[in-house]
């Protein structure tokens, strides 16, 4: 059943979320009348109001009256007053992922980017390349892309580029023409329960592709499960011979790399990265393969990649105050933290300070030793208490347990203690990078003012 059939007026509960905004843009661009509500004002709501959308603050049961369909974000509680009113009125309600899947189907050529790490960077890079190449794609991104100053856009071309999240099987709502799998690592096991279940979900996602599957040929967790599919499998990698392979890798400046792309037995392009870290070679290769297979010229891919300075909260340099550089990164898994800190260590700073906010009790306990190993790559480690988010701490895990495994590390209950400690101890030439997918970025912004 088509959830949009016969629908014209769509109400969004939680319309101020970054995941909702691109969907709102795409639907509004196709003539749907949009209204919405949220609990707090914000930049996204300001953008939506400029589009002519009526947004209620806070939630109000009367706001859904007149709607043909209600879309709610995963952050909305099931007893929300607007959802309750919609059900009283017989108005159908769908979760955001379901609507994203429907929006996906507006476009003939969707590129859906999945993976445990690198989704936002790769989705952003593909989007930037295609926009600069004049393909006019729609985009749904998990972070802010500076080129468009937003988390997505509507487009009039055939392509939509979507960040495909595995959590709660969200990506299984999609209909990819090209399915990209960057990597598969141990994460979200509080939901998937076993690593085999996690791998199986990625395989099912890949099986949805109608055109091709693009996978990391160096990642055995991916290649071991995504094989013998109904559509062609295209590989990218560094270590193994792949359809798109990075060769002649060299460091141009500190932690910024360039490399040649080998395809079909010959060098077809030279890529210069403007984002740090060797791990971004993989992300750039995936983006190259997806764009090249979508008909973008190699020269246009080179230009778009060189112009890409990263997505919001992905090794984002926020500023330098009194000789101290302050950055922020979304890394919240040990592998991501390690990749970010290795890149930081290679950039010539006097010392690297990792300011980490653990996220969820289950992940922290399950990956405690892995977090410790990754954080030890920094010269100094400062942490906050665990941000529980959707969880209750019924397993008795605390940041002090992680700190006990990292010699010299310190931790504080809140941001004031973190900022105060850093202010007293950092030195000119140091890099302070906040790490985590919660609200640790607020500490980075506090440092910019306090330092």
Foldseek 3Di string as FASTA:
>chain_A
DQPCVPFAEEEEEQCQDQQNLLLVQQSVVVRGQYEYADADDDDSVVVVVVVVYHYDHHDDLCRCPPGQEYEYEPPDDPVDSVNVSCVVVVRYYYYSLLSVQSSLVVAPAEEEEEEPPDLQFLLLLLVLLCVLLVQFEWEAHPFAFVVVRGRTHHGDHRYYYYYAYPPVLSLLSHQHQEYEYLEQDDDPCVRQVDSVSVLVSSLSSLLSHNHEYEYAPVHCSNVVRNDPHPYYYFYEYEPDDGQWYWPPWDDDAQQWIKTFIDHPRRTQEIATALEGFPSCVSSLSSSQVSVVVVPRHRVSSRVSRNPGNGGPQCQAFPDADQQETETGHAAAALVSLQRVLVRVVRNQFPFEEEEEAHEAPVRCVVCLVSNLVSNLSGPEYEYEWHHRVPDDPPPDDIVVVSVVSHPRYYYYHDLVVVLVVCVVDDDRRYYYYYYHNDVSVVSSVVNVVVD
